[in-house]
Amino acid sequence: MEAEWPFPDDHFDLIHLSLVHGCVADWPGMMQKIKKHLTPGGHTEHQEWALGAPYSPDGTLTPSHPFYRWGRLIEAAGLLRGRPLHLGPRLVPFLHSAHFSHVHEEVYAVPFGGWPEDERQAMIGREAMRQTVSGMEGYTTVLFTSALGWGREETAGFVEEVRREMGDDGVHKVIDFHVAWGRKEGGEGEGKGGRG
């Protein structure tokens, strides 16, 4: 059983979660804790990738591509562990199921690699790819060996293939980044520090 949080009820004006994919087994329970510890009128905001669903706007990323396969496999591993990683599309349902009000969502199509013609988007894409590649070996190895039954050498070879193929800017890779927020009923107005 998960420990209770060491804070009183109705304590925070804002509870923010970002990139906790793979860390929570009981999302209904987590959302109830968040609501319990928010002040009436307080807000929660949550940011996550749609990690299991990479795509391209023009069809250049196919299901056989290593990056696409990596996204599907890492989500399968998370589900086998009971801790999903493909959380982005689930954020709004999480908020609704916990009866938050004023629920809103913004979804950003984040490129991976320097392929966009817009220089700002290309900069974002290069940084998104750098961050993903830099941590890929560690968490992929843990998930694939513990949940999917892959060997370390097999996993290392696949990660190397993914890294190599991700560098091809002829393949226009995108993962959606979801930002969702909602308000706990009660209190005056919208509460402190929240988004409308």
C-alpha atoms as a PDB file:
ATOM      1  CA  MET A   1       0.000   0.000   0.000  1.00  0.00           C
ATOM      2  CA  GLU A   2       1.306   3.429  -0.902  1.00  0.00           C
ATOM      3  CA  ALA A   3       2.179   5.786   1.935  1.00  0.00           C
ATOM      4  CA  GLU A   4       0.049   8.809   2.642  1.00  0.00           C
ATOM      5  CA  TRP A   5       1.529  12.186   1.753  1.00  0.00           C
ATOM      6  CA  PRO A   6       3.030  14.072   4.733  1.00  0.00           C
ATOM      7  CA  PHE A   7       0.897  17.163   4.157  1.00  0.00           C
ATOM      8  CA  PRO A   8      -2.449  18.254   5.555  1.00  0.00           C
ATOM      9  CA  ASP A   9      -5.603  18.234   3.466  1.00  0.00           C
ATOM     10  CA  ASP A  10      -6.405  21.414   1.481  1.00  0.00           C
ATOM     11  CA  HIS A  11      -2.746  22.475   1.653  1.00  0.00           C
ATOM     12  CA  PHE A  12      -1.546  23.445  -1.853  1.00  0.00           C
ATOM     13  CA  ASP A  13      -2.867  26.045  -4.299  1.00  0.00           C
ATOM     14  CA  LEU A  14      -1.116  24.247  -7.188  1.00  0.00           C
ATOM     15  CA  ILE A  15       0.170  20.704  -7.650  1.00  0.00           C
ATOM     16  CA  HIS A  16       2.266  20.279 -10.800  1.00  0.00           C
ATOM     17  CA  LEU A  17       3.340  16.956 -12.343  1.00  0.00           C
ATOM     18  CA  SER A  18       5.715  16.630 -15.277  1.00  0.00           C
ATOM     19  CA  LEU A  19       7.172  13.547 -16.954  1.00  0.00           C
ATOM     20  CA  VAL A  20       6.254  11.016 -14.279  1.00  0.00           C
ATOM     21  CA  HIS A  21       5.517   8.357 -16.908  1.00  0.00           C
ATOM     22  CA  GLY A  22       6.341   4.902 -15.591  1.00  0.00           C
ATOM     23  CA  CYS A  23       6.354   6.069 -11.961  1.00  0.00           C
ATOM     24  CA  VAL A  24       2.731   5.571 -10.890  1.00  0.00           C
ATOM     25  CA  ALA A  25       0.789   2.311 -10.738  1.00  0.00           C
ATOM     26  CA  ASP A  26      -2.485   3.632  -9.283  1.00  0.00           C
ATOM     27  CA  TRP A  27      -3.531   6.708 -11.225  1.00  0.00           C
ATOM     28  CA  PRO A  28      -7.050   6.927  -9.743  1.00  0.00           C
ATOM     29  CA  GLY A  29      -5.473   6.871  -6.278  1.00  0.00           C
ATOM     30  CA  MET A  30      -2.889   9.469  -7.278  1.00  0.00           C
ATOM     31  CA  MET A  31      -5.550  11.829  -8.601  1.00  0.00           C
ATOM     32  CA  GLN A  32      -7.557  11.491  -5.389  1.00  0.00           C
ATOM     33  CA  LYS A  33      -4.448  12.355  -3.330  1.00  0.00           C
ATOM     34  CA  ILE A  34      -3.822  15.395  -5.488  1.00  0.00           C
ATOM     35  CA  LYS A  35      -7.403  16.544  -5.025  1.00  0.00           C
ATOM     36  CA  LYS A  36      -7.325  15.863  -1.278  1.00  0.00           C
ATOM     37  CA  HIS A  37      -4.245  18.050  -0.776  1.00  0.00           C
ATOM     38  CA  LEU A  38      -5.370  20.957  -2.977  1.00  0.00           C
ATOM     39  CA  THR A  39      -7.107  23.933  -1.447  1.00  0.00           C
ATOM     40  CA  PRO A  40     -10.696  24.484  -2.609  1.00  0.00           C
ATOM     41  CA  GLY A  41     -10.301  26.378  -5.860  1.00  0.00           C
ATOM     42  CA  GLY A  42      -6.728  25.099  -6.255  1.00  0.00           C
ATOM     43  CA  HIS A  43      -5.336  23.767  -9.520  1.00  0.00           C
ATOM     44  CA  THR A  44      -3.362  20.817 -10.789  1.00  0.00           C
ATOM     45  CA  GLU A  45      -1.375  20.787 -14.000  1.00  0.00           C
ATOM     46  CA  HIS A  46       0.159  17.707 -15.625  1.00  0.00           C
ATOM     47  CA  GLN A  47       2.567  17.426 -18.572  1.00  0.00           C
ATOM     48  CA  GLU A  48       3.357  14.157 -20.365  1.00  0.00           C
ATOM     49  CA  TRP A  49       4.440  12.736 -23.723  1.00  0.00           C
ATOM     50  CA  ALA A  50       2.292  10.485 -25.867  1.00  0.00           C
ATOM     51  CA  LEU A  51       5.374   8.284 -25.658  1.00  0.00           C
ATOM     52  CA  GLY A  52       3.947   5.144 -27.213  1.00  0.00           C
ATOM     53  CA  ALA A  53       2.723   6.840 -30.386  1.00  0.00           C
ATOM     54  CA  PRO A  54       5.475   8.467 -32.446  1.00  0.00           C
ATOM     55  CA  TYR A  55       4.316   9.537 -35.902  1.00  0.00           C
ATOM     56  CA  SER A  56       5.149  11.765 -38.846  1.00  0.00           C
ATOM     57  CA  PRO A  57       2.940  14.392 -40.495  1.00  0.00           C
ATOM     58  CA  ASP A  58       3.839  13.093 -43.949  1.00  0.00           C
ATOM     59  CA  GLY A  59       4.070   9.319 -43.509  1.00  0.00           C
ATOM     60  CA  THR A  60       7.875   9.149 -43.559  1.00  0.00           C
ATOM     61  CA  LEU A  61       7.925   7.387 -40.146  1.00  0.00           C
ATOM     62  CA  THR A  62       6.623   3.883 -40.821  1.00  0.00           C
ATOM     63  CA  PRO A  63       5.758   1.086 -38.343  1.00  0.00           C
ATOM     64  CA  SER A  64       8.950  -0.741 -39.349  1.00  0.00           C
ATOM     65  CA  HIS A  65      11.187   2.196 -38.337  1.00  0.00           C
ATOM     66  CA  PRO A  66      13.221   1.509 -35.148  1.00  0.00           C
ATOM     67  CA  PHE A  67      12.024   4.733 -33.450  1.00  0.00           C
ATOM     68  CA  TYR A  68       8.373   3.812 -34.043  1.00  0.00           C
ATOM     69  CA  ARG A  69       9.009   0.250 -32.806  1.00  0.00           C
ATOM     70  CA  TRP A  70      10.831   1.611 -29.748  1.00  0.00           C
ATOM     71  CA  GLY A  71       7.807   3.734 -28.789  1.00  0.00           C
ATOM     72  CA  ARG A  72       5.418   0.790 -29.066  1.00  0.00           C
ATOM     73  CA  LEU A  73       7.748  -1.606 -27.227  1.00  0.00           C
ATOM     74  CA  ILE A  74       8.493   0.759 -24.367  1.00  0.00           C
ATOM     75  CA  GLU A  75       4.771   1.288 -23.811  1.00  0.00           C
ATOM     76  CA  ALA A  76       4.187  -2.491 -23.852  1.00  0.00           C
ATOM     77  CA  ALA A  77       6.929  -2.886 -21.230  1.00  0.00           C
ATOM     78  CA  GLY A  78       5.371  -0.190 -19.049  1.00  0.00           C
ATOM     79  CA  LEU A  79       1.968  -1.854 -19.223  1.00  0.00           C
ATOM     80  CA  LEU A  80       3.460  -5.215 -18.269  1.00  0.00           C
ATOM     81  CA  ARG A  81       4.969  -3.539 -15.183  1.00  0.00           C
ATOM     82  CA  GLY A  82       1.604  -1.937 -14.375  1.00  0.00           C
ATOM     83  CA  ARG A  83       3.063   1.558 -14.856  1.00  0.00           C
ATOM     84  CA  PRO A  84       2.088   3.014 -18.246  1.00  0.00           C
ATOM     85  CA  LEU A  85       4.401   5.391 -20.066  1.00  0.00           C
ATOM     86  CA  HIS A  86       1.985   6.557 -22.794  1.00  0.00           C
ATOM     87  CA  LEU A  87       0.268   9.075 -20.518  1.00  0.00           C
ATOM     88  CA  GLY A  88      -0.338  12.175 -22.646  1.00  0.00           C
ATOM     89  CA  PRO A  89      -3.782  11.212 -24.004  1.00  0.00           C
ATOM     90  CA  ARG A  90      -4.846   9.997 -20.552  1.00  0.00           C
ATOM     91  CA  LEU A  91      -4.401  13.279 -18.695  1.00  0.00           C
ATOM     92  CA  VAL A  92      -7.844  14.724 -19.425  1.00  0.00           C
ATOM     93  CA  PRO A  93      -9.607  11.437 -18.542  1.00  0.00           C
ATOM     94  CA  PHE A  94      -7.597  11.355 -15.273  1.00  0.00           C
ATOM     95  CA  LEU A  95      -8.857  14.850 -14.405  1.00  0.00           C
ATOM     96  CA  HIS A  96     -12.459  14.092 -15.341  1.00  0.00           C
ATOM     97  CA  SER A  97     -12.498  10.803 -13.419  1.00  0.00           C
ATOM     98  CA  ALA A  98     -11.385  12.673 -10.286  1.00  0.00           C
ATOM     99  CA  HIS A  99     -14.153  15.261 -10.866  1.00  0.00           C
ATOM    100  CA  PHE A 100     -11.941  18.279 -11.456  1.00  0.00           C
ATOM    101  CA  SER A 101     -13.685  21.228 -13.102  1.00  0.00           C
ATOM    102  CA  HIS A 102     -12.491  23.774 -15.666  1.00  0.00           C
ATOM    103  CA  VAL A 103     -10.460  21.039 -17.362  1.00  0.00           C
ATOM    104  CA  HIS A 104      -8.361  22.218 -20.311  1.00  0.00           C
ATOM    105  CA  GLU A 105      -5.687  20.694 -22.519  1.00  0.00           C
ATOM    106  CA  GLU A 106      -3.070  21.880 -24.962  1.00  0.00           C
ATOM    107  CA  VAL A 107      -1.220  19.440 -27.238  1.00  0.00           C
ATOM    108  CA  TYR A 108       2.105  20.309 -28.850  1.00  0.00           C
ATOM    109  CA  ALA A 109       3.466  18.325 -31.802  1.00  0.00           C
ATOM    110  CA  VAL A 110       7.164  18.157 -30.915  1.00  0.00           C
ATOM    111  CA  PRO A 111       9.573  17.291 -33.737  1.00  0.00           C
ATOM    112  CA  PHE A 112      12.538  15.001 -33.105  1.00  0.00           C
ATOM    113  CA  GLY A 113      15.600  16.018 -35.113  1.00  0.00           C
ATOM    114  CA  GLY A 114      16.515  19.098 -37.083  1.00  0.00           C
ATOM    115  CA  TRP A 115      14.208  18.417 -40.011  1.00  0.00           C
ATOM    116  CA  PRO A 116      11.626  21.257 -39.633  1.00  0.00           C
ATOM    117  CA  GLU A 117      12.138  24.197 -41.980  1.00  0.00           C
ATOM    118  CA  ASP A 118      11.249  26.647 -39.202  1.00  0.00           C
ATOM    119  CA  GLU A 119      14.481  27.277 -37.296  1.00  0.00           C
ATOM    120  CA  ARG A 120      12.797  27.498 -33.888  1.00  0.00           C
ATOM    121  CA  GLN A 121      11.064  24.157 -34.466  1.00  0.00           C
ATOM    122  CA  ALA A 122      14.339  22.661 -35.717  1.00  0.00           C
ATOM    123  CA  MET A 123      16.079  23.841 -32.522  1.00  0.00           C
ATOM    124  CA  ILE A 124      13.314  22.274 -30.423  1.00  0.00           C
ATOM    125  CA  GLY A 125      13.611  19.073 -32.454  1.00  0.00           C
ATOM    126  CA  ARG A 126      17.361  18.814 -32.019  1.00  0.00           C
ATOM    127  CA  GLU A 127      17.039  19.324 -28.253  1.00  0.00           C
ATOM    128  CA  ALA A 128      14.167  16.818 -27.948  1.00  0.00           C
ATOM    129  CA  MET A 129      16.236  14.224 -29.774  1.00  0.00           C
ATOM    130  CA  ARG A 130      19.370  14.967 -27.718  1.00  0.00           C
ATOM    131  CA  GLN A 131      17.497  14.502 -24.445  1.00  0.00           C
ATOM    132  CA  THR A 132      15.796  11.315 -25.610  1.00  0.00           C
ATOM    133  CA  VAL A 133      18.962   9.725 -26.952  1.00  0.00           C
ATOM    134  CA  SER A 134      21.049  10.668 -23.890  1.00  0.00           C
ATOM    135  CA  GLY A 135      18.837   8.704 -21.487  1.00  0.00           C
ATOM    136  CA  MET A 136      17.556   6.027 -23.827  1.00  0.00           C
ATOM    137  CA  GLU A 137      19.984   3.226 -22.970  1.00  0.00           C
ATOM    138  CA  GLY A 138      19.362   3.292 -19.223  1.00  0.00           C
ATOM    139  CA  TYR A 139      15.599   3.202 -19.060  1.00  0.00           C
ATOM    140  CA  THR A 140      15.177   1.077 -22.173  1.00  0.00           C
ATOM    141  CA  THR A 141      17.526  -1.562 -20.764  1.00  0.00           C
ATOM    142  CA  VAL A 142      15.681  -1.706 -17.448  1.00  0.00           C
ATOM    143  CA  LEU A 143      12.264  -1.970 -19.088  1.00  0.00           C
ATOM    144  CA  PHE A 144      13.161  -4.377 -21.871  1.00  0.00           C
ATOM    145  CA  THR A 145      15.138  -6.794 -19.694  1.00  0.00           C
ATOM    146  CA  SER A 146      12.738  -6.800 -16.736  1.00  0.00           C
ATOM    147  CA  ALA A 147       9.392  -6.696 -18.552  1.00  0.00           C
ATOM    148  CA  LEU A 148       9.939  -7.954 -22.097  1.00  0.00           C
ATOM    149  CA  GLY A 149      12.549 -10.618 -21.321  1.00  0.00           C
ATOM    150  CA  TRP A 150      15.148  -9.233 -23.714  1.00  0.00           C
ATOM    151  CA  GLY A 151      18.846  -9.867 -23.073  1.00  0.00           C
ATOM    152  CA  ARG A 152      21.232  -7.007 -22.390  1.00  0.00           C
ATOM    153  CA  GLU A 153      23.112  -7.456 -25.665  1.00  0.00           C
ATOM    154  CA  GLU A 154      19.900  -7.651 -27.690  1.00  0.00           C
ATOM    155  CA  THR A 155      18.623  -4.495 -26.012  1.00  0.00           C
ATOM    156  CA  ALA A 156      21.917  -2.650 -26.511  1.00  0.00           C
ATOM    157  CA  GLY A 157      21.901  -3.552 -30.213  1.00  0.00           C
ATOM    158  CA  PHE A 158      18.342  -2.315 -30.640  1.00  0.00           C
ATOM    159  CA  VAL A 159      19.069   0.949 -28.787  1.00  0.00           C
ATOM    160  CA  GLU A 160      22.061   1.542 -31.038  1.00  0.00           C
ATOM    161  CA  GLU A 161      19.872   0.945 -34.100  1.00  0.00           C
ATOM    162  CA  VAL A 162      17.243   3.396 -32.794  1.00  0.00           C
ATOM    163  CA  ARG A 163      19.893   6.051 -32.122  1.00  0.00           C
ATOM    164  CA  ARG A 164      21.416   5.622 -35.568  1.00  0.00           C
ATOM    165  CA  GLU A 165      18.097   5.774 -37.426  1.00  0.00           C
ATOM    166  CA  MET A 166      16.860   8.735 -35.349  1.00  0.00           C
ATOM    167  CA  GLY A 167      19.649  10.766 -36.905  1.00  0.00           C
ATOM    168  CA  ASP A 168      18.020  10.519 -40.341  1.00  0.00           C
ATOM    169  CA  ASP A 169      16.257  13.853 -40.842  1.00  0.00           C
ATOM    170  CA  GLY A 170      14.597  12.502 -43.973  1.00  0.00           C
ATOM    171  CA  VAL A 171      12.236  10.769 -41.536  1.00  0.00           C
ATOM    172  CA  HIS A 172      10.023  13.420 -39.926  1.00  0.00           C
ATOM    173  CA  LYS A 173       9.568  12.138 -36.380  1.00  0.00           C
ATOM    174  CA  VAL A 174       6.996  13.687 -34.007  1.00  0.00           C
ATOM    175  CA  ILE A 175       5.680  12.873 -30.542  1.00  0.00           C
ATOM    176  CA  ASP A 176       2.802  14.855 -29.040  1.00  0.00           C
ATOM    177  CA  PHE A 177       3.356  16.576 -25.697  1.00  0.00           C
ATOM    178  CA  HIS A 178       0.163  17.019 -23.655  1.00  0.00           C
ATOM    179  CA  VAL A 179      -0.423  19.689 -21.011  1.00  0.00           C
ATOM    180  CA  ALA A 180      -3.690  19.405 -19.060  1.00  0.00           C
ATOM    181  CA  TRP A 181      -5.000  21.236 -16.053  1.00  0.00           C
ATOM    182  CA  GLY A 182      -8.083  21.427 -13.881  1.00  0.00           C
ATOM    183  CA  ARG A 183      -9.527  23.027 -10.771  1.00  0.00           C
ATOM    184  CA  LYS A 184     -10.766  21.599  -7.504  1.00  0.00           C
ATOM    185  CA  GLU A 185     -14.282  22.869  -6.832  1.00  0.00           C
ATOM    186  CA  GLY A 186     -14.838  25.388  -4.055  1.00  0.00           C
ATOM    187  CA  GLY A 187     -13.027  28.484  -2.906  1.00  0.00           C
ATOM    188  CA  GLU A 188     -13.229  31.991  -4.245  1.00  0.00           C
ATOM    189  CA  GLY A 189     -12.659  32.569  -7.964  1.00  0.00           C
ATOM    190  CA  GLU A 190      -9.975  30.452  -9.629  1.00  0.00           C
ATOM    191  CA  GLY A 191      -7.622  30.150  -6.641  1.00  0.00           C
ATOM    192  CA  LYS A 192      -3.982  31.259  -6.524  1.00  0.00           C
ATOM    193  CA  GLY A 193      -1.498  30.464  -9.224  1.00  0.00           C
ATOM    194  CA  GLY A 194      -3.898  28.564 -11.440  1.00  0.00           C
ATOM    195  CA  ARG A 195      -4.616  28.769 -15.110  1.00  0.00           C
ATOM    196  CA  GLY A 196      -8.092  29.715 -16.254  1.00  0.00           C
END
